[in-house]
């Protein structure tokens, strides 16, 4: 398994791959052909797995992709539908977060003034590796580059007031993704956790998804074309909760890593 990251050092930004703790530059197109180049950093596991920037070597970890869109799935865990008091959907409930909401590991989630409660939502994200249009379910995983952690940050009070999700989920900084794109993983179930400070609030597994990943890819690509780098976020389990100024939120996906972001009031 490789972990692909996007890193910045000084004025240079590049893709790199971490394997066995060694970070190497990637030359070419991660969605096409690329080669593994020079060593950038030894002992790099903390960079790719936990999103820890390495100040000694000047590395800053960025969001691993710049998607044209993030397609999210609502109410895709039975327990989460129960906690928000909504019926299970007969088919996937999809909505889009704008690219302007994306931030990377270590970037601050900004709480907009006057919107009330803002929640974390821990999710497994799927990074699309090639253009996907009306993909049959049996071929869905052929279009996947890898997996990523996503925090579907949501202005909960606004969500309760409106039937559409664009405003409550589309604020700037409301789509942290990272710390890496984990490639070469199988389609098996993965544990998903959401932590705030030292408290674990969410703990479940993708085994409990109502609509599994291959089904979602078929469903979404029948509606819209997914481009390389787009992210399909598969839904959150129960345990959502509010974020406060000064909090640190951590999204953990088994086999992928940890996405960590501080929370700050946007005044």
C-alpha atoms as a PDB file:
ATOM      1  CA  UNK A   1       0.000   0.000   0.000  1.00  0.00           C
ATOM      2  CA  UNK A   2       1.155   3.511  -0.836  1.00  0.00           C
ATOM      3  CA  UNK A   3       0.025   6.740   0.781  1.00  0.00           C
ATOM      4  CA  UNK A   4      -0.010   9.621  -1.689  1.00  0.00           C
ATOM      5  CA  UNK A   5       0.345  13.089  -0.197  1.00  0.00           C
ATOM      6  CA  UNK A   6       0.567  16.625  -1.525  1.00  0.00           C
ATOM      7  CA  UNK A   7       3.273  18.578   0.245  1.00  0.00           C
ATOM      8  CA  UNK A   8       4.644  22.080   0.232  1.00  0.00           C
ATOM      9  CA  UNK A   9       8.181  23.047   1.093  1.00  0.00           C
ATOM     10  CA  UNK A  10       9.052  26.688   0.643  1.00  0.00           C
ATOM     11  CA  UNK A  11       7.493  27.837  -2.622  1.00  0.00           C
ATOM     12  CA  UNK A  12       7.343  24.352  -4.121  1.00  0.00           C
ATOM     13  CA  UNK A  13       4.329  22.053  -4.086  1.00  0.00           C
ATOM     14  CA  UNK A  14       4.504  18.451  -5.266  1.00  0.00           C
ATOM     15  CA  UNK A  15       2.992  15.021  -4.894  1.00  0.00           C
ATOM     16  CA  UNK A  16       4.882  12.368  -3.001  1.00  0.00           C
ATOM     17  CA  UNK A  17       4.388   8.769  -1.964  1.00  0.00           C
ATOM     18  CA  UNK A  18       5.131   7.239   1.423  1.00  0.00           C
ATOM     19  CA  UNK A  19       5.934   3.557   1.639  1.00  0.00           C
ATOM     20  CA  UNK A  20       7.634   1.838   4.555  1.00  0.00           C
ATOM     21  CA  UNK A  21       8.207   5.200   6.205  1.00  0.00           C
ATOM     22  CA  UNK A  22      10.106   6.777   3.299  1.00  0.00           C
ATOM     23  CA  UNK A  23       8.664   9.736   1.391  1.00  0.00           C
ATOM     24  CA  UNK A  24       9.593   9.988  -2.306  1.00  0.00           C
ATOM     25  CA  UNK A  25       8.675  12.558  -4.921  1.00  0.00           C
ATOM     26  CA  UNK A  26       6.176  11.550  -7.580  1.00  0.00           C
ATOM     27  CA  UNK A  27       6.880  12.841 -11.079  1.00  0.00           C
ATOM     28  CA  UNK A  28       4.047  12.895 -13.590  1.00  0.00           C
ATOM     29  CA  UNK A  29       0.272  12.668 -13.129  1.00  0.00           C
ATOM     30  CA  UNK A  30      -1.122  10.728 -10.159  1.00  0.00           C
ATOM     31  CA  UNK A  31      -4.277  10.145 -12.194  1.00  0.00           C
ATOM     32  CA  UNK A  32      -2.306   8.827 -15.141  1.00  0.00           C
ATOM     33  CA  UNK A  33       1.322   7.839 -15.421  1.00  0.00           C
ATOM     34  CA  UNK A  34       3.920   8.775 -12.856  1.00  0.00           C
ATOM     35  CA  UNK A  35       7.294   7.633 -11.634  1.00  0.00           C
ATOM     36  CA  UNK A  36       8.706   7.460  -8.135  1.00  0.00           C
ATOM     37  CA  UNK A  37      11.659   9.799  -7.776  1.00  0.00           C
ATOM     38  CA  UNK A  38      14.050  11.134  -5.154  1.00  0.00           C
ATOM     39  CA  UNK A  39      13.740  10.624  -1.418  1.00  0.00           C
ATOM     40  CA  UNK A  40      12.259  13.706   0.233  1.00  0.00           C
ATOM     41  CA  UNK A  41      12.062  12.531   3.822  1.00  0.00           C
ATOM     42  CA  UNK A  42      13.043   9.516   5.890  1.00  0.00           C
ATOM     43  CA  UNK A  43      10.747   8.331   8.685  1.00  0.00           C
ATOM     44  CA  UNK A  44       7.760   9.958   7.054  1.00  0.00           C
ATOM     45  CA  UNK A  45       4.983   7.766   8.474  1.00  0.00           C
ATOM     46  CA  UNK A  46       3.838  10.504  10.872  1.00  0.00           C
ATOM     47  CA  UNK A  47       3.455  12.845   7.904  1.00  0.00           C
ATOM     48  CA  UNK A  48       1.259  10.596   5.778  1.00  0.00           C
ATOM     49  CA  UNK A  49      -0.677   8.750   8.493  1.00  0.00           C
ATOM     50  CA  UNK A  50      -1.294  11.507  11.012  1.00  0.00           C
ATOM     51  CA  UNK A  51      -0.923  14.649   8.948  1.00  0.00           C
ATOM     52  CA  UNK A  52       1.867  15.952  11.154  1.00  0.00           C
ATOM     53  CA  UNK A  53       3.833  18.622   9.332  1.00  0.00           C
ATOM     54  CA  UNK A  54       7.576  18.289   9.720  1.00  0.00           C
ATOM     55  CA  UNK A  55       8.930  21.688  10.699  1.00  0.00           C
ATOM     56  CA  UNK A  56      12.502  20.438  10.848  1.00  0.00           C
ATOM     57  CA  UNK A  57      12.448  19.727   7.126  1.00  0.00           C
ATOM     58  CA  UNK A  58      10.026  22.489   6.194  1.00  0.00           C
ATOM     59  CA  UNK A  59       7.263  20.200   4.948  1.00  0.00           C
ATOM     60  CA  UNK A  60       3.618  21.236   5.136  1.00  0.00           C
ATOM     61  CA  UNK A  61       0.934  18.721   4.288  1.00  0.00           C
ATOM     62  CA  UNK A  62      -1.840  19.976   1.994  1.00  0.00           C
ATOM     63  CA  UNK A  63      -5.237  18.560   1.063  1.00  0.00           C
ATOM     64  CA  UNK A  64      -4.243  15.535  -1.039  1.00  0.00           C
ATOM     65  CA  UNK A  65      -6.551  16.451  -3.939  1.00  0.00           C
ATOM     66  CA  UNK A  66      -8.256  19.541  -5.301  1.00  0.00           C
ATOM     67  CA  UNK A  67     -11.628  18.115  -6.354  1.00  0.00           C
ATOM     68  CA  UNK A  68     -13.988  19.823  -8.756  1.00  0.00           C
ATOM     69  CA  UNK A  69     -16.714  18.672  -6.362  1.00  0.00           C
ATOM     70  CA  UNK A  70     -17.298  16.560  -3.279  1.00  0.00           C
ATOM     71  CA  UNK A  71     -20.389  14.386  -3.596  1.00  0.00           C
ATOM     72  CA  UNK A  72     -21.704  13.470  -0.158  1.00  0.00           C
ATOM     73  CA  UNK A  73     -24.227  10.871   0.936  1.00  0.00           C
ATOM     74  CA  UNK A  74     -26.687  11.671   3.711  1.00  0.00           C
ATOM     75  CA  UNK A  75     -28.251   9.192   6.135  1.00  0.00           C
ATOM     76  CA  UNK A  76     -26.125   6.263   4.974  1.00  0.00           C
ATOM     77  CA  UNK A  77     -25.824   4.685   8.441  1.00  0.00           C
ATOM     78  CA  UNK A  78     -28.990   3.424  10.121  1.00  0.00           C
ATOM     79  CA  UNK A  79     -27.847   4.598  13.563  1.00  0.00           C
ATOM     80  CA  UNK A  80     -27.201   8.153  12.321  1.00  0.00           C
ATOM     81  CA  UNK A  81     -30.638   8.375  10.706  1.00  0.00           C
ATOM     82  CA  UNK A  82     -32.070   7.388  14.064  1.00  0.00           C
ATOM     83  CA  UNK A  83     -30.185  10.003  16.040  1.00  0.00           C
ATOM     84  CA  UNK A  84     -31.380  12.835  13.781  1.00  0.00           C
ATOM     85  CA  UNK A  85     -34.925  11.496  13.700  1.00  0.00           C
ATOM     86  CA  UNK A  86     -35.202  10.824   9.982  1.00  0.00           C
ATOM     87  CA  UNK A  87     -36.507   7.848   8.046  1.00  0.00           C
ATOM     88  CA  UNK A  88     -34.104   5.665   6.111  1.00  0.00           C
ATOM     89  CA  UNK A  89     -33.932   6.812   2.484  1.00  0.00           C
ATOM     90  CA  UNK A  90     -35.136   4.361  -0.188  1.00  0.00           C
ATOM     91  CA  UNK A  91     -32.180   5.399  -2.360  1.00  0.00           C
ATOM     92  CA  UNK A  92     -29.005   7.401  -1.687  1.00  0.00           C
ATOM     93  CA  UNK A  93     -29.548  10.988  -0.581  1.00  0.00           C
ATOM     94  CA  UNK A  94     -26.786  12.918  -2.335  1.00  0.00           C
ATOM     95  CA  UNK A  95     -25.642  16.530  -2.145  1.00  0.00           C
ATOM     96  CA  UNK A  96     -22.536  18.468  -3.145  1.00  0.00           C
ATOM     97  CA  UNK A  97     -19.985  20.437  -1.173  1.00  0.00           C
ATOM     98  CA  UNK A  98     -18.151  23.102  -3.193  1.00  0.00           C
ATOM     99  CA  UNK A  99     -14.432  22.934  -3.857  1.00  0.00           C
ATOM    100  CA  UNK A 100     -14.060  26.199  -1.941  1.00  0.00           C
ATOM    101  CA  UNK A 101     -14.911  24.335   1.289  1.00  0.00           C
ATOM    102  CA  UNK A 102     -11.825  22.099   1.073  1.00  0.00           C
ATOM    103  CA  UNK A 103      -8.995  22.437   3.562  1.00  0.00           C
ATOM    104  CA  UNK A 104      -6.131  20.121   4.437  1.00  0.00           C
ATOM    105  CA  UNK A 105      -4.601  18.625   7.573  1.00  0.00           C
ATOM    106  CA  UNK A 106      -3.805  21.187  10.246  1.00  0.00           C
ATOM    107  CA  UNK A 107      -5.884  23.931   8.630  1.00  0.00           C
ATOM    108  CA  UNK A 108      -8.460  25.563  10.879  1.00  0.00           C
ATOM    109  CA  UNK A 109     -12.166  24.855  10.643  1.00  0.00           C
ATOM    110  CA  UNK A 110     -13.697  28.325  10.934  1.00  0.00           C
ATOM    111  CA  UNK A 111     -16.980  28.702  12.809  1.00  0.00           C
ATOM    112  CA  UNK A 112     -19.047  31.362  10.989  1.00  0.00           C
ATOM    113  CA  UNK A 113     -20.608  34.006  13.233  1.00  0.00           C
ATOM    114  CA  UNK A 114     -24.307  33.772  13.946  1.00  0.00           C
ATOM    115  CA  UNK A 115     -25.018  30.316  12.482  1.00  0.00           C
ATOM    116  CA  UNK A 116     -25.468  28.467  15.782  1.00  0.00           C
ATOM    117  CA  UNK A 117     -24.344  24.896  16.325  1.00  0.00           C
ATOM    118  CA  UNK A 118     -21.662  23.486  14.000  1.00  0.00           C
ATOM    119  CA  UNK A 119     -21.006  19.719  14.052  1.00  0.00           C
ATOM    120  CA  UNK A 120     -18.276  17.306  13.025  1.00  0.00           C
ATOM    121  CA  UNK A 121     -19.138  14.295  10.831  1.00  0.00           C
ATOM    122  CA  UNK A 122     -16.481  11.592  10.418  1.00  0.00           C
ATOM    123  CA  UNK A 123     -16.577   9.903   7.023  1.00  0.00           C
ATOM    124  CA  UNK A 124     -14.666   7.658   4.638  1.00  0.00           C
ATOM    125  CA  UNK A 125     -14.042   9.383   1.312  1.00  0.00           C
ATOM    126  CA  UNK A 126     -13.375   7.746  -2.050  1.00  0.00           C
ATOM    127  CA  UNK A 127     -11.040   9.541  -4.471  1.00  0.00           C
ATOM    128  CA  UNK A 128     -11.941   8.982  -8.115  1.00  0.00           C
ATOM    129  CA  UNK A 129      -8.984   8.009 -10.275  1.00  0.00           C
ATOM    130  CA  UNK A 130     -10.379   8.389 -13.783  1.00  0.00           C
ATOM    131  CA  UNK A 131     -13.346   9.952 -15.520  1.00  0.00           C
ATOM    132  CA  UNK A 132     -16.451   8.052 -14.453  1.00  0.00           C
ATOM    133  CA  UNK A 133     -19.731   8.199 -16.355  1.00  0.00           C
ATOM    134  CA  UNK A 134     -22.502   5.638 -15.795  1.00  0.00           C
ATOM    135  CA  UNK A 135     -20.181   3.071 -14.299  1.00  0.00           C
ATOM    136  CA  UNK A 136     -21.663  -0.412 -13.717  1.00  0.00           C
ATOM    137  CA  UNK A 137     -21.482  -1.518 -10.099  1.00  0.00           C
ATOM    138  CA  UNK A 138     -19.319  -4.505 -10.988  1.00  0.00           C
ATOM    139  CA  UNK A 139     -16.651  -2.165 -12.383  1.00  0.00           C
ATOM    140  CA  UNK A 140     -16.882   0.554  -9.731  1.00  0.00           C
ATOM    141  CA  UNK A 141     -13.572  -0.134  -7.960  1.00  0.00           C
ATOM    142  CA  UNK A 142     -11.702   0.176 -11.269  1.00  0.00           C
ATOM    143  CA  UNK A 143     -12.406   3.912 -11.075  1.00  0.00           C
ATOM    144  CA  UNK A 144     -11.100   4.390  -7.527  1.00  0.00           C
ATOM    145  CA  UNK A 145      -7.640   5.857  -6.951  1.00  0.00           C
ATOM    146  CA  UNK A 146      -7.763   5.457  -3.178  1.00  0.00           C
ATOM    147  CA  UNK A 147      -9.399   6.315   0.136  1.00  0.00           C
ATOM    148  CA  UNK A 148      -9.219   9.409   2.298  1.00  0.00           C
ATOM    149  CA  UNK A 149     -10.598  10.804   5.567  1.00  0.00           C
ATOM    150  CA  UNK A 150     -13.336  13.432   5.295  1.00  0.00           C
ATOM    151  CA  UNK A 151     -14.975  15.685   7.881  1.00  0.00           C
ATOM    152  CA  UNK A 152     -18.396  16.729   6.585  1.00  0.00           C
ATOM    153  CA  UNK A 153     -18.645  19.804   8.828  1.00  0.00           C
ATOM    154  CA  UNK A 154     -22.251  20.945   9.117  1.00  0.00           C
ATOM    155  CA  UNK A 155     -24.056  24.016  10.461  1.00  0.00           C
ATOM    156  CA  UNK A 156     -26.719  21.953  12.220  1.00  0.00           C
ATOM    157  CA  UNK A 157     -29.142  24.718  13.154  1.00  0.00           C
ATOM    158  CA  UNK A 158     -29.230  25.893   9.550  1.00  0.00           C
ATOM    159  CA  UNK A 159     -29.768  22.327   8.352  1.00  0.00           C
ATOM    160  CA  UNK A 160     -32.840  22.015  10.565  1.00  0.00           C
ATOM    161  CA  UNK A 161     -34.288  25.215   9.105  1.00  0.00           C
ATOM    162  CA  UNK A 162     -33.842  24.349   5.432  1.00  0.00           C
ATOM    163  CA  UNK A 163     -34.747  21.453   3.155  1.00  0.00           C
ATOM    164  CA  UNK A 164     -31.575  21.855   1.050  1.00  0.00           C
ATOM    165  CA  UNK A 165     -28.050  21.212   2.333  1.00  0.00           C
ATOM    166  CA  UNK A 166     -26.010  23.635   0.220  1.00  0.00           C
ATOM    167  CA  UNK A 167     -25.770  26.443   2.757  1.00  0.00           C
ATOM    168  CA  UNK A 168     -25.387  24.429   5.944  1.00  0.00           C
ATOM    169  CA  UNK A 169     -22.587  22.275   4.512  1.00  0.00           C
ATOM    170  CA  UNK A 170     -20.984  24.637   2.009  1.00  0.00           C
ATOM    171  CA  UNK A 171     -19.194  27.205   4.160  1.00  0.00           C
ATOM    172  CA  UNK A 172     -15.503  27.805   3.559  1.00  0.00           C
ATOM    173  CA  UNK A 173     -13.393  25.292   5.582  1.00  0.00           C
ATOM    174  CA  UNK A 174     -16.344  22.868   5.987  1.00  0.00           C
ATOM    175  CA  UNK A 175     -14.656  20.068   3.985  1.00  0.00           C
ATOM    176  CA  UNK A 176     -11.377  18.978   5.583  1.00  0.00           C
ATOM    177  CA  UNK A 177      -9.854  16.047   3.659  1.00  0.00           C
ATOM    178  CA  UNK A 178      -6.618  14.123   4.164  1.00  0.00           C
ATOM    179  CA  UNK A 179      -4.094  13.297   5.346  1.00  0.00           C
ATOM    180  CA  UNK A 180      -3.304  11.148   2.314  1.00  0.00           C
ATOM    181  CA  UNK A 181      -4.811   9.077  -0.468  1.00  0.00           C
ATOM    182  CA  UNK A 182      -4.369   5.485   0.654  1.00  0.00           C
ATOM    183  CA  UNK A 183      -4.023   3.345  -2.465  1.00  0.00           C
ATOM    184  CA  UNK A 184      -4.059  -0.405  -2.958  1.00  0.00           C
ATOM    185  CA  UNK A 185      -6.686  -1.077  -0.281  1.00  0.00           C
ATOM    186  CA  UNK A 186      -9.409  -3.650  -0.777  1.00  0.00           C
ATOM    187  CA  UNK A 187     -13.150  -3.114  -0.540  1.00  0.00           C
ATOM    188  CA  UNK A 188     -13.418  -4.630   2.937  1.00  0.00           C
ATOM    189  CA  UNK A 189     -15.010  -2.849   5.910  1.00  0.00           C
ATOM    190  CA  UNK A 190     -13.058  -0.095   7.634  1.00  0.00           C
ATOM    191  CA  UNK A 191     -13.462   1.426  11.077  1.00  0.00           C
ATOM    192  CA  UNK A 192     -14.459   5.101  11.111  1.00  0.00           C
ATOM    193  CA  UNK A 193     -14.022   7.259  14.208  1.00  0.00           C
ATOM    194  CA  UNK A 194     -14.553  10.893  15.142  1.00  0.00           C
ATOM    195  CA  UNK A 195     -12.680  12.418  18.079  1.00  0.00           C
ATOM    196  CA  UNK A 196     -12.961  15.877  19.653  1.00  0.00           C
ATOM    197  CA  UNK A 197     -10.039  16.691  21.906  1.00  0.00           C
ATOM    198  CA  UNK A 198      -9.581  13.423  23.844  1.00  0.00           C
ATOM    199  CA  UNK A 199     -13.193  12.256  23.560  1.00  0.00           C
ATOM    200  CA  UNK A 200     -14.203   9.616  21.044  1.00  0.00           C
ATOM    201  CA  UNK A 201     -17.655  10.594  19.845  1.00  0.00           C
ATOM    202  CA  UNK A 202     -18.088   8.418  16.761  1.00  0.00           C
ATOM    203  CA  UNK A 203     -17.082   4.789  16.278  1.00  0.00           C
ATOM    204  CA  UNK A 204     -18.490   2.538  13.597  1.00  0.00           C
ATOM    205  CA  UNK A 205     -17.541   0.605  10.491  1.00  0.00           C
ATOM    206  CA  UNK A 206     -18.276   0.906   6.790  1.00  0.00           C
ATOM    207  CA  UNK A 207     -19.717  -2.596   7.167  1.00  0.00           C
ATOM    208  CA  UNK A 208     -22.829  -0.741   8.380  1.00  0.00           C
ATOM    209  CA  UNK A 209     -23.253   1.444   5.302  1.00  0.00           C
ATOM    210  CA  UNK A 210     -26.803   1.203   3.974  1.00  0.00           C
ATOM    211  CA  UNK A 211     -25.553   1.756   0.433  1.00  0.00           C
ATOM    212  CA  UNK A 212     -22.015   0.360  -0.105  1.00  0.00           C
ATOM    213  CA  UNK A 213     -19.309   2.087  -2.089  1.00  0.00           C
ATOM    214  CA  UNK A 214     -19.726   0.224  -5.371  1.00  0.00           C
ATOM    215  CA  UNK A 215     -23.477   0.893  -5.337  1.00  0.00           C
ATOM    216  CA  UNK A 216     -22.859   4.586  -4.649  1.00  0.00           C
ATOM    217  CA  UNK A 217     -20.429   4.927  -7.547  1.00  0.00           C
ATOM    218  CA  UNK A 218     -22.957   3.391  -9.920  1.00  0.00           C
ATOM    219  CA  UNK A 219     -25.762   5.578  -8.534  1.00  0.00           C
ATOM    220  CA  UNK A 220     -23.862   8.873  -8.584  1.00  0.00           C
ATOM    221  CA  UNK A 221     -22.235   8.399 -11.985  1.00  0.00           C
ATOM    222  CA  UNK A 222     -25.627   7.713 -13.546  1.00  0.00           C
ATOM    223  CA  UNK A 223     -26.514  11.277 -12.488  1.00  0.00           C
ATOM    224  CA  UNK A 224     -23.234  13.129 -13.008  1.00  0.00           C
ATOM    225  CA  UNK A 225     -19.767  12.504 -14.354  1.00  0.00           C
ATOM    226  CA  UNK A 226     -17.078  12.232 -11.693  1.00  0.00           C
ATOM    227  CA  UNK A 227     -13.717  13.640 -12.724  1.00  0.00           C
ATOM    228  CA  UNK A 228     -10.284  12.471 -11.532  1.00  0.00           C
ATOM    229  CA  UNK A 229      -9.731  13.894  -8.064  1.00  0.00           C
ATOM    230  CA  UNK A 230     -13.401  14.211  -7.205  1.00  0.00           C
ATOM    231  CA  UNK A 231     -14.322  12.838  -3.782  1.00  0.00           C
ATOM    232  CA  UNK A 232     -17.320  10.690  -2.907  1.00  0.00           C
ATOM    233  CA  UNK A 233     -17.957  10.955   0.833  1.00  0.00           C
ATOM    234  CA  UNK A 234     -19.895   7.939   2.025  1.00  0.00           C
ATOM    235  CA  UNK A 235     -21.815   9.200   5.065  1.00  0.00           C
ATOM    236  CA  UNK A 236     -21.343   9.504   8.802  1.00  0.00           C
ATOM    237  CA  UNK A 237     -22.269   7.160  11.683  1.00  0.00           C
ATOM    238  CA  UNK A 238     -24.017   8.184  14.896  1.00  0.00           C
ATOM    239  CA  UNK A 239     -22.255  10.376  17.442  1.00  0.00           C
ATOM    240  CA  UNK A 240     -22.242  13.725  15.651  1.00  0.00           C
ATOM    241  CA  UNK A 241     -21.694  16.614  18.003  1.00  0.00           C
ATOM    242  CA  UNK A 242     -20.918  20.314  18.291  1.00  0.00           C
ATOM    243  CA  UNK A 243     -17.565  21.986  17.807  1.00  0.00           C
ATOM    244  CA  UNK A 244     -16.333  24.911  19.875  1.00  0.00           C
ATOM    245  CA  UNK A 245     -13.605  27.490  19.452  1.00  0.00           C
ATOM    246  CA  UNK A 246     -10.334  25.909  20.631  1.00  0.00           C
ATOM    247  CA  UNK A 247     -11.333  22.303  19.948  1.00  0.00           C
ATOM    248  CA  UNK A 248      -9.222  19.847  17.989  1.00  0.00           C
ATOM    249  CA  UNK A 249     -11.162  17.388  15.848  1.00  0.00           C
ATOM    250  CA  UNK A 250      -9.684  14.148  14.575  1.00  0.00           C
ATOM    251  CA  UNK A 251     -11.150  11.848  11.929  1.00  0.00           C
ATOM    252  CA  UNK A 252      -9.704   8.324  11.884  1.00  0.00           C
ATOM    253  CA  UNK A 253     -10.264   5.796   9.102  1.00  0.00           C
ATOM    254  CA  UNK A 254      -8.718   2.359   9.446  1.00  0.00           C
ATOM    255  CA  UNK A 255      -5.930   1.821   6.939  1.00  0.00           C
ATOM    256  CA  UNK A 256      -5.954   5.456   5.821  1.00  0.00           C
ATOM    257  CA  UNK A 257      -4.778   7.568   8.750  1.00  0.00           C
ATOM    258  CA  UNK A 258      -5.848  10.501  10.898  1.00  0.00           C
ATOM    259  CA  UNK A 259      -7.112  13.883   9.739  1.00  0.00           C
ATOM    260  CA  UNK A 260      -6.577  16.511  12.433  1.00  0.00           C
ATOM    261  CA  UNK A 261      -7.888  20.094  12.363  1.00  0.00           C
ATOM    262  CA  UNK A 262      -8.130  22.840  14.968  1.00  0.00           C
ATOM    263  CA  UNK A 263     -11.390  24.754  15.361  1.00  0.00           C
ATOM    264  CA  UNK A 264     -11.496  28.553  15.519  1.00  0.00           C
ATOM    265  CA  UNK A 265     -14.207  31.189  15.622  1.00  0.00           C
ATOM    266  CA  UNK A 266     -14.340  33.245  12.453  1.00  0.00           C
ATOM    267  CA  UNK A 267     -14.825  36.770  13.735  1.00  0.00           C
END
